Amino acid sequence: GSVEIAPAIGMADSIFDIVSSGGTLVQNGLIEVLSVLESQAVL
């Protein structure tokens, strides 16, 4: 579900999740610090 809210409600110190535009991170007071995997649809 909504991984990005975990720090705000005290469930975690940070998150590791899918980022597209980054807008959801900004809305939840988060900043992206490191991209680990670039993904796209594959066959």
All heavy atoms as atom14 arrays in JSON, in Angstrom:
{
  "sequence": "GSVEIAPAIGMADSIFDIVSSGGTLVQNGLIEVLSVLESQAVL",
  "atom14_mask": [
    [1, 1, 1, 1, 0, 0, 0, 0, 0, 0, 0, 0, 0, 0],
    [1, 1, 1, 1, 1, 1, 0, 0, 0, 0, 0, 0, 0, 0],
    [1, 1, 1, 1, 1, 1, 1, 0, 0, 0, 0, 0, 0, 0],
    [1, 1, 1, 1, 1, 1, 1, 1, 1, 0, 0, 0, 0, 0],
    [1, 1, 1, 1, 1, 1, 1, 1, 0, 0, 0, 0, 0, 0],
    [1, 1, 1, 1, 1, 0, 0, 0, 0, 0, 0, 0, 0, 0],
    [1, 1, 1, 1, 1, 1, 1, 0, 0, 0, 0, 0, 0, 0],
    [1, 1, 1, 1, 1, 0, 0, 0, 0, 0, 0, 0, 0, 0],
    [1, 1, 1, 1, 1, 1, 1, 1, 0, 0, 0, 0, 0, 0],
    [1, 1, 1, 1, 0, 0, 0, 0, 0, 0, 0, 0, 0, 0],
    [1, 1, 1, 1, 1, 1, 1, 1, 0, 0, 0, 0, 0, 0],
    [1, 1, 1, 1, 1, 0, 0, 0, 0, 0, 0, 0, 0, 0],
    [1, 1, 1, 1, 1, 1, 1, 1, 0, 0, 0, 0, 0, 0],
    [1, 1, 1, 1, 1, 1, 0, 0, 0, 0, 0, 0, 0, 0],
    [1, 1, 1, 1, 1, 1, 1, 1, 0, 0, 0, 0, 0, 0],
    [1, 1, 1, 1, 1, 1, 1, 1, 1, 1, 1, 0, 0, 0],
    [1, 1, 1, 1, 1, 1, 1, 1, 0, 0, 0, 0, 0, 0],
    [1, 1, 1, 1, 1, 1, 1, 1, 0, 0, 0, 0, 0, 0],
    [1, 1, 1, 1, 1, 1, 1, 0, 0, 0, 0, 0, 0, 0],
    [1, 1, 1, 1, 1, 1, 0, 0, 0, 0, 0, 0, 0, 0],
    [1, 1, 1, 1, 1, 1, 0, 0, 0, 0, 0, 0, 0, 0],
    [1, 1, 1, 1, 0, 0, 0, 0, 0, 0, 0, 0, 0, 0],
    [1, 1, 1, 1, 0, 0, 0, 0, 0, 0, 0, 0, 0, 0],
    [1, 1, 1, 1, 1, 1, 1, 0, 0, 0, 0, 0, 0, 0],
    [1, 1, 1, 1, 1, 1, 1, 1, 0, 0, 0, 0, 0, 0],
    [1, 1, 1, 1, 1, 1, 1, 0, 0, 0, 0, 0, 0, 0],
    [1, 1, 1, 1, 1, 1, 1, 1, 1, 0, 0, 0, 0, 0],
    [1, 1, 1, 1, 1, 1, 1, 1, 0, 0, 0, 0, 0, 0],
    [1, 1, 1, 1, 0, 0, 0, 0, 0, 0, 0, 0, 0, 0],
    [1, 1, 1, 1, 1, 1, 1, 1, 0, 0, 0, 0, 0, 0],
    [1, 1, 1, 1, 1, 1, 1, 1, 0, 0, 0, 0, 0, 0],
    [1, 1, 1, 1, 1, 1, 1, 1, 1, 0, 0, 0, 0, 0],
    [1, 1, 1, 1, 1, 1, 1, 0, 0, 0, 0, 0, 0, 0],
    [1, 1, 1, 1, 1, 1, 1, 1, 0, 0, 0, 0, 0, 0],
    [1, 1, 1, 1, 1, 1, 0, 0, 0, 0, 0, 0, 0, 0],
    [1, 1, 1, 1, 1, 1, 1, 0, 0, 0, 0, 0, 0, 0],
    [1, 1, 1, 1, 1, 1, 1, 1, 0, 0, 0, 0, 0, 0],
    [1, 1, 1, 1, 1, 1, 1, 1, 1, 0, 0, 0, 0, 0],
    [1, 1, 1, 1, 1, 1, 0, 0, 0, 0, 0, 0, 0, 0],
    [1, 1, 1, 1, 1, 1, 1, 1, 1, 0, 0, 0, 0, 0],
    [1, 1, 1, 1, 1, 0, 0, 0, 0, 0, 0, 0, 0, 0],
    [1, 1, 1, 1, 1, 1, 1, 0, 0, 0, 0, 0, 0, 0],
    [1, 1, 1, 1, 1, 1, 1, 1, 0, 0, 0, 0, 0, 0]
  ],
  "atom14_positions": [
    [[0.82, -1.21, 0.0], [0.0, 0.0, 0.0], [0.84, 1.25, 0.0], [1.85, 1.34, -0.7], [0.0, 0.0, 0.0], [0.0, 0.0, 0.0], [0.0, 0.0, 0.0], [0.0, 0.0, 0.0], [0.0, 0.0, 0.0], [0.0, 0.0, 0.0], [0.0, 0.0, 0.0], [0.0, 0.0, 0.0], [0.0, 0.0, 0.0], [0.0, 0.0, 0.0]],
    [[0.46, 2.21, 0.82], [1.07, 3.54, 0.81], [2.36, 3.57, 1.62], [2.39, 4.01, 2.78], [0.08, 4.57, 1.34], [-1.1, 4.59, 0.56], [0.0, 0.0, 0.0], [0.0, 0.0, 0.0], [0.0, 0.0, 0.0], [0.0, 0.0, 0.0], [0.0, 0.0, 0.0], [0.0, 0.0, 0.0], [0.0, 0.0, 0.0], [0.0, 0.0, 0.0]],
    [[3.43, 3.11, 1.01], [4.73, 3.06, 1.68], [5.19, 4.45, 2.08], [5.81, 4.64, 3.14], [5.78, 2.4, 0.75], [7.17, 2.47, 1.36], [5.4, 0.97, 0.46], [0.0, 0.0, 0.0], [0.0, 0.0, 0.0], [0.0, 0.0, 0.0], [0.0, 0.0, 0.0], [0.0, 0.0, 0.0], [0.0, 0.0, 0.0], [0.0, 0.0, 0.0]],
    [[4.87, 5.45, 1.26], [5.43, 6.79, 1.48], [4.95, 7.47, 2.76], [5.55, 8.44, 3.23], [5.1, 7.7, 0.28], [3.63, 7.96, 0.04], [2.94, 6.88, -0.77], [3.62, 5.91, -1.17], [1.71, 6.98, -0.98], [0.0, 0.0, 0.0], [0.0, 0.0, 0.0], [0.0, 0.0, 0.0], [0.0, 0.0, 0.0], [0.0, 0.0, 0.0]],
    [[3.86, 6.96, 3.38], [3.4, 7.6, 4.62], [4.08, 7.03, 5.86], [3.9, 7.55, 6.96], [1.86, 7.47, 4.77], [1.45, 6.01, 5.03], [1.15, 8.05, 3.56], [-0.01, 5.85, 5.42], [0.0, 0.0, 0.0], [0.0, 0.0, 0.0], [0.0, 0.0, 0.0], [0.0, 0.0, 0.0], [0.0, 0.0, 0.0], [0.0, 0.0, 0.0]],
    [[4.85, 5.96, 5.7], [5.43, 5.26, 6.85], [6.27, 6.16, 7.75], [6.13, 6.12, 8.99], [6.25, 4.06, 6.39], [0.0, 0.0, 0.0], [0.0, 0.0, 0.0], [0.0, 0.0, 0.0], [0.0, 0.0, 0.0], [0.0, 0.0, 0.0], [0.0, 0.0, 0.0], [0.0, 0.0, 0.0], [0.0, 0.0, 0.0], [0.0, 0.0, 0.0]],
    [[7.17, 7.01, 7.22], [7.94, 7.87, 8.12], [7.07, 8.86, 8.89], [7.32, 9.14, 10.07], [8.91, 8.59, 7.17], [9.05, 7.67, 6.0], [7.68, 7.09, 5.84], [0.0, 0.0, 0.0], [0.0, 0.0, 0.0], [0.0, 0.0, 0.0], [0.0, 0.0, 0.0], [0.0, 0.0, 0.0], [0.0, 0.0, 0.0], [0.0, 0.0, 0.0]],
    [[6.05, 9.41, 8.24], [5.22, 10.42, 8.87], [4.43, 9.88, 10.06], [4.16, 10.61, 11.02], [4.26, 11.03, 7.84], [0.0, 0.0, 0.0], [0.0, 0.0, 0.0], [0.0, 0.0, 0.0], [0.0, 0.0, 0.0], [0.0, 0.0, 0.0], [0.0, 0.0, 0.0], [0.0, 0.0, 0.0], [0.0, 0.0, 0.0], [0.0, 0.0, 0.0]],
    [[4.07, 8.58, 10.03], [3.28, 8.01, 11.13], [4.15, 7.2, 12.08], [3.63, 6.5, 12.96], [2.13, 7.15, 10.59], [2.65, 5.96, 9.77], [1.18, 8.0, 9.75], [1.55, 5.01, 9.3], [0.0, 0.0, 0.0], [0.0, 0.0, 0.0], [0.0, 0.0, 0.0], [0.0, 0.0, 0.0], [0.0, 0.0, 0.0], [0.0, 0.0, 0.0]],
    [[5.47, 7.28, 11.9], [6.38, 6.64, 12.84], [6.64, 5.17, 12.61], [7.23, 4.5, 13.47], [0.0, 0.0, 0.0], [0.0, 0.0, 0.0], [0.0, 0.0, 0.0], [0.0, 0.0, 0.0], [0.0, 0.0, 0.0], [0.0, 0.0, 0.0], [0.0, 0.0, 0.0], [0.0, 0.0, 0.0], [0.0, 0.0, 0.0], [0.0, 0.0, 0.0]],
    [[6.25, 4.63, 11.46], [6.48, 3.22, 11.18], [7.9, 2.94, 10.68], [8.37, 1.81, 10.74], [5.48, 2.71, 10.13], [4.05, 2.62, 10.61], [2.94, 2.0, 9.32], [3.55, 0.33, 9.13], [0.0, 0.0, 0.0], [0.0, 0.0, 0.0], [0.0, 0.0, 0.0], [0.0, 0.0, 0.0], [0.0, 0.0, 0.0], [0.0, 0.0, 0.0]],
    [[8.56, 3.96, 10.16], [9.9, 3.77, 9.58], [10.64, 5.09, 9.57], [10.05, 6.17, 9.71], [9.77, 3.21, 8.16], [0.0, 0.0, 0.0], [0.0, 0.0, 0.0], [0.0, 0.0, 0.0], [0.0, 0.0, 0.0], [0.0, 0.0, 0.0], [0.0, 0.0, 0.0], [0.0, 0.0, 0.0], [0.0, 0.0, 0.0], [0.0, 0.0, 0.0]],
    [[11.96, 4.99, 9.4], [12.79, 6.19, 9.3], [12.9, 6.68, 7.86], [13.18, 7.86, 7.61], [14.21, 5.9, 9.82], [14.2, 5.42, 11.26], [13.76, 6.2, 12.12], [14.62, 4.27, 11.5], [0.0, 0.0, 0.0], [0.0, 0.0, 0.0], [0.0, 0.0, 0.0], [0.0, 0.0, 0.0], [0.0, 0.0, 0.0], [0.0, 0.0, 0.0]],
    [[12.69, 5.77, 6.9], [12.84, 6.1, 5.49], [12.08, 5.07, 4.68], [11.5, 4.12, 5.24], [14.32, 6.1, 5.09], [14.89, 4.81, 5.33], [0.0, 0.0, 0.0], [0.0, 0.0, 0.0], [0.0, 0.0, 0.0], [0.0, 0.0, 0.0], [0.0, 0.0, 0.0], [0.0, 0.0, 0.0], [0.0, 0.0, 0.0], [0.0, 0.0, 0.0]],
    [[12.1, 5.22, 3.36], [11.38, 4.28, 2.51], [12.23, 3.88, 1.31], [13.18, 4.57, 0.93], [10.04, 4.85, 2.01], [10.26, 5.98, 0.98], [9.17, 5.33, 3.16], [9.0, 6.35, 0.21], [0.0, 0.0, 0.0], [0.0, 0.0, 0.0], [0.0, 0.0, 0.0], [0.0, 0.0, 0.0], [0.0, 0.0, 0.0], [0.0, 0.0, 0.0]],
    [[11.85, 2.76, 0.72], [12.4, 2.29, -0.55], [11.21, 1.93, -1.41], [10.5, 0.97, -1.13], [13.31, 1.08, -0.33], [13.89, 0.49, -1.59], [14.77, 1.2, -2.36], [13.53, -0.8, -2.0], [15.31, 0.66, -3.53], [14.07, -1.35, -3.15], [14.96, -0.61, -3.92], [0.0, 0.0, 0.0], [0.0, 0.0, 0.0], [0.0, 0.0, 0.0]],
    [[10.97, 2.71, -2.48], [9.72, 2.52, -3.21], [9.86, 2.99, -4.66], [10.87, 3.57, -5.05], [8.6, 3.32, -2.52], [7.22, 2.83, -2.9], [7.08, 1.66, -3.33], [6.26, 3.61, -2.75], [0.0, 0.0, 0.0], [0.0, 0.0, 0.0], [0.0, 0.0, 0.0], [0.0, 0.0, 0.0], [0.0, 0.0, 0.0], [0.0, 0.0, 0.0]],
    [[8.81, 2.72, -5.44], [8.75, 3.17, -6.83], [8.61, 4.68, -6.87], [7.81, 5.28, -6.14], [7.56, 2.52, -7.55], [7.85, 1.04, -7.85], [7.23, 3.23, -8.85], [6.73, 0.32, -8.54], [0.0, 0.0, 0.0], [0.0, 0.0, 0.0], [0.0, 0.0, 0.0], [0.0, 0.0, 0.0], [0.0, 0.0, 0.0], [0.0, 0.0, 0.0]],
    [[9.39, 5.31, -7.74], [9.31, 6.75, -7.98], [9.12, 6.97, -9.47], [9.86, 6.41, -10.28], [10.58, 7.48, -7.5], [10.49, 8.97, -7.82], [10.8, 7.26, -6.01], [0.0, 0.0, 0.0], [0.0, 0.0, 0.0], [0.0, 0.0, 0.0], [0.0, 0.0, 0.0], [0.0, 0.0, 0.0], [0.0, 0.0, 0.0], [0.0, 0.0, 0.0]],
    [[8.13, 7.77, -9.83], [7.95, 8.16, -11.24], [8.29, 9.62, -11.39], [9.37, 9.99, -11.81], [6.52, 7.86, -11.69], [6.27, 6.47, -11.69], [0.0, 0.0, 0.0], [0.0, 0.0, 0.0], [0.0, 0.0, 0.0], [0.0, 0.0, 0.0], [0.0, 0.0, 0.0], [0.0, 0.0, 0.0], [0.0, 0.0, 0.0], [0.0, 0.0, 0.0]],
    [[7.39, 10.5, -10.99], [7.66, 11.94, -11.07], [8.28, 12.49, -9.8], [8.94, 13.53, -9.83], [6.36, 12.68, -11.36], [5.47, 12.58, -10.25], [0.0, 0.0, 0.0], [0.0, 0.0, 0.0], [0.0, 0.0, 0.0], [0.0, 0.0, 0.0], [0.0, 0.0, 0.0], [0.0, 0.0, 0.0], [0.0, 0.0, 0.0], [0.0, 0.0, 0.0]],
    [[8.07, 11.81, -8.69], [8.56, 12.3, -7.41], [7.56, 13.16, -6.66], [7.81, 13.58, -5.54], [0.0, 0.0, 0.0], [0.0, 0.0, 0.0], [0.0, 0.0, 0.0], [0.0, 0.0, 0.0], [0.0, 0.0, 0.0], [0.0, 0.0, 0.0], [0.0, 0.0, 0.0], [0.0, 0.0, 0.0], [0.0, 0.0, 0.0], [0.0, 0.0, 0.0]],
    [[6.39, 13.41, -7.28], [5.39, 14.26, -6.65], [4.85, 13.7, -5.35], [4.62, 14.45, -4.39], [0.0, 0.0, 0.0], [0.0, 0.0, 0.0], [0.0, 0.0, 0.0], [0.0, 0.0, 0.0], [0.0, 0.0, 0.0], [0.0, 0.0, 0.0], [0.0, 0.0, 0.0], [0.0, 0.0, 0.0], [0.0, 0.0, 0.0], [0.0, 0.0, 0.0]],
    [[4.67, 12.39, -5.28], [4.14, 11.77, -4.05], [5.13, 11.92, -2.9], [4.74, 12.11, -1.75], [3.84, 10.28, -4.3], [2.92, 10.16, -5.38], [3.24, 9.64, -3.06], [0.0, 0.0, 0.0], [0.0, 0.0, 0.0], [0.0, 0.0, 0.0], [0.0, 0.0, 0.0], [0.0, 0.0, 0.0], [0.0, 0.0, 0.0], [0.0, 0.0, 0.0]],
    [[6.43, 11.83, -3.19], [7.43, 12.02, -2.15], [7.33, 13.44, -1.58], [7.35, 13.62, -0.35], [8.84, 11.79, -2.72], [9.18, 10.39, -3.2], [10.63, 10.34, -3.69], [8.98, 9.35, -2.1], [0.0, 0.0, 0.0], [0.0, 0.0, 0.0], [0.0, 0.0, 0.0], [0.0, 0.0, 0.0], [0.0, 0.0, 0.0], [0.0, 0.0, 0.0]],
    [[7.24, 14.41, -2.45], [7.16, 15.81, -2.01], [5.94, 16.02, -1.13], [6.01, 16.68, -0.08], [7.12, 16.76, -3.23], [6.85, 18.19, -2.78], [8.43, 16.68, -4.01], [0.0, 0.0, 0.0], [0.0, 0.0, 0.0], [0.0, 0.0, 0.0], [0.0, 0.0, 0.0], [0.0, 0.0, 0.0], [0.0, 0.0, 0.0], [0.0, 0.0, 0.0]],
    [[4.82, 15.44, -1.52], [3.58, 15.59, -0.75], [3.7, 15.0, 0.65], [3.01, 15.44, 1.57], [2.42, 14.91, -1.49], [2.03, 15.59, -2.79], [1.02, 14.77, -3.58], [0.47, 13.79, -3.08], [0.78, 15.17, -4.82], [0.0, 0.0, 0.0], [0.0, 0.0, 0.0], [0.0, 0.0, 0.0], [0.0, 0.0, 0.0], [0.0, 0.0, 0.0]],
    [[4.59, 14.03, 0.81], [4.75, 13.37, 2.11], [6.03, 13.79, 2.82], [6.48, 13.11, 3.75], [4.72, 11.85, 1.93], [3.33, 11.33, 1.61], [2.52, 11.1, 2.5], [3.03, 11.16, 0.33], [0.0, 0.0, 0.0], [0.0, 0.0, 0.0], [0.0, 0.0, 0.0], [0.0, 0.0, 0.0], [0.0, 0.0, 0.0], [0.0, 0.0, 0.0]],
    [[6.62, 14.9, 2.4], [7.77, 15.46, 3.09], [9.03, 14.64, 2.94], [9.9, 14.66, 3.82], [0.0, 0.0, 0.0], [0.0, 0.0, 0.0], [0.0, 0.0, 0.0], [0.0, 0.0, 0.0], [0.0, 0.0, 0.0], [0.0, 0.0, 0.0], [0.0, 0.0, 0.0], [0.0, 0.0, 0.0], [0.0, 0.0, 0.0], [0.0, 0.0, 0.0]],
    [[9.17, 13.94, 1.81], [10.34, 13.08, 1.58], [11.16, 13.6, 0.41], [10.64, 14.27, -0.49], [9.89, 11.65, 1.29], [9.07, 10.95, 2.38], [8.52, 9.63, 1.85], [9.9, 10.73, 3.63], [0.0, 0.0, 0.0], [0.0, 0.0, 0.0], [0.0, 0.0, 0.0], [0.0, 0.0, 0.0], [0.0, 0.0, 0.0], [0.0, 0.0, 0.0]],
    [[12.44, 13.26, 0.4], [13.3, 13.55, -0.74], [14.01, 12.27, -1.18], [14.42, 11.45, -0.37], [14.34, 14.65, -0.42], [15.21, 14.26, 0.78], [13.67, 15.99, -0.19], [16.38, 15.2, 1.02], [0.0, 0.0, 0.0], [0.0, 0.0, 0.0], [0.0, 0.0, 0.0], [0.0, 0.0, 0.0], [0.0, 0.0, 0.0], [0.0, 0.0, 0.0]],
    [[14.13, 12.11, -2.48], [14.82, 10.96, -3.06], [16.32, 11.17, -2.93], [16.84, 12.22, -3.33], [14.43, 10.82, -4.51], [15.04, 9.64, -5.24], [14.62, 9.58, -6.69], [13.9, 10.5, -7.16], [15.02, 8.62, -7.38], [0.0, 0.0, 0.0], [0.0, 0.0, 0.0], [0.0, 0.0, 0.0], [0.0, 0.0, 0.0], [0.0, 0.0, 0.0]],
    [[17.02, 10.18, -2.37], [18.46, 10.35, -2.18], [19.3, 9.39, -3.03], [20.47, 9.65, -3.29], [18.86, 10.18, -0.69], [18.26, 11.32, 0.15], [18.44, 8.82, -0.13], [0.0, 0.0, 0.0], [0.0, 0.0, 0.0], [0.0, 0.0, 0.0], [0.0, 0.0, 0.0], [0.0, 0.0, 0.0], [0.0, 0.0, 0.0], [0.0, 0.0, 0.0]],
    [[18.69, 8.28, -3.48], [19.47, 7.34, -4.29], [18.55, 6.45, -5.1], [17.65, 5.81, -4.57], [20.36, 6.46, -3.4], [21.29, 5.49, -4.15], [22.33, 6.25, -4.94], [21.96, 4.53, -3.18], [0.0, 0.0, 0.0], [0.0, 0.0, 0.0], [0.0, 0.0, 0.0], [0.0, 0.0, 0.0], [0.0, 0.0, 0.0], [0.0, 0.0, 0.0]],
    [[18.79, 6.4, -6.43], [18.07, 5.48, -7.3], [18.83, 4.16, -7.36], [20.02, 4.13, -7.69], [17.94, 6.08, -8.71], [17.37, 5.14, -9.59], [0.0, 0.0, 0.0], [0.0, 0.0, 0.0], [0.0, 0.0, 0.0], [0.0, 0.0, 0.0], [0.0, 0.0, 0.0], [0.0, 0.0, 0.0], [0.0, 0.0, 0.0], [0.0, 0.0, 0.0]],
    [[18.16, 3.07, -7.01], [18.78, 1.75, -6.95], [18.53, 0.94, -8.21], [19.41, 0.2, -8.67], [18.27, 0.99, -5.7], [18.8, -0.44, -5.69], [18.68, 1.73, -4.43], [0.0, 0.0, 0.0], [0.0, 0.0, 0.0], [0.0, 0.0, 0.0], [0.0, 0.0, 0.0], [0.0, 0.0, 0.0], [0.0, 0.0, 0.0], [0.0, 0.0, 0.0]],
    [[17.36, 1.07, -8.8], [17.02, 0.26, -9.98], [16.16, 1.07, -10.94], [15.13, 1.63, -10.55], [16.25, -0.99, -9.56], [15.72, -1.89, -10.69], [16.87, -2.58, -11.41], [14.72, -2.92, -10.17], [0.0, 0.0, 0.0], [0.0, 0.0, 0.0], [0.0, 0.0, 0.0], [0.0, 0.0, 0.0], [0.0, 0.0, 0.0], [0.0, 0.0, 0.0]],
    [[16.58, 1.15, -12.21], [15.76, 1.74, -13.26], [14.9, 0.63, -13.86], [15.41, -0.42, -14.25], [16.64, 2.35, -14.35], [17.45, 3.56, -13.88], [16.6, 4.78, -13.61], [15.54, 4.92, -14.25], [16.99, 5.59, -12.75], [0.0, 0.0, 0.0], [0.0, 0.0, 0.0], [0.0, 0.0, 0.0], [0.0, 0.0, 0.0], [0.0, 0.0, 0.0]],
    [[13.6, 0.86, -13.92], [12.68, -0.19, -14.35], [11.82, 0.27, -15.52], [11.61, 1.46, -15.73], [11.78, -0.61, -13.19], [10.88, -1.63, -13.58], [0.0, 0.0, 0.0], [0.0, 0.0, 0.0], [0.0, 0.0, 0.0], [0.0, 0.0, 0.0], [0.0, 0.0, 0.0], [0.0, 0.0, 0.0], [0.0, 0.0, 0.0], [0.0, 0.0, 0.0]],
    [[11.34, -0.69, -16.3], [10.36, -0.47, -17.35], [9.69, -1.8, -17.62], [10.08, -2.84, -17.07], [11.02, 0.06, -18.63], [12.01, -0.9, -19.27], [12.52, -0.39, -20.6], [11.77, -0.31, -21.58], [13.81, -0.03, -20.64], [0.0, 0.0, 0.0], [0.0, 0.0, 0.0], [0.0, 0.0, 0.0], [0.0, 0.0, 0.0], [0.0, 0.0, 0.0]],
    [[8.67, -1.8, -18.45], [8.02, -3.06, -18.83], [8.98, -3.89, -19.67], [9.67, -3.37, -20.55], [6.75, -2.79, -19.59], [0.0, 0.0, 0.0], [0.0, 0.0, 0.0], [0.0, 0.0, 0.0], [0.0, 0.0, 0.0], [0.0, 0.0, 0.0], [0.0, 0.0, 0.0], [0.0, 0.0, 0.0], [0.0, 0.0, 0.0], [0.0, 0.0, 0.0]],
    [[9.03, -5.19, -19.38], [9.89, -6.1, -20.13], [9.08, -7.32, -20.55], [8.09, -7.68, -19.92], [11.12, -6.55, -19.31], [12.04, -5.37, -19.04], [10.7, -7.21, -18.0], [0.0, 0.0, 0.0], [0.0, 0.0, 0.0], [0.0, 0.0, 0.0], [0.0, 0.0, 0.0], [0.0, 0.0, 0.0], [0.0, 0.0, 0.0], [0.0, 0.0, 0.0]],
    [[9.54, -7.93, -21.62], [8.98, -9.21, -22.07], [9.88, -10.31, -21.55], [11.08, -10.31, -21.81], [8.9, -9.25, -23.59], [8.35, -10.55, -24.22], [6.89, -10.76, -23.86], [8.52, -10.53, -25.74], [0.0, 0.0, 0.0], [0.0, 0.0, 0.0], [0.0, 0.0, 0.0], [0.0, 0.0, 0.0], [0.0, 0.0, 0.0], [0.0, 0.0, 0.0]]
  ]
}
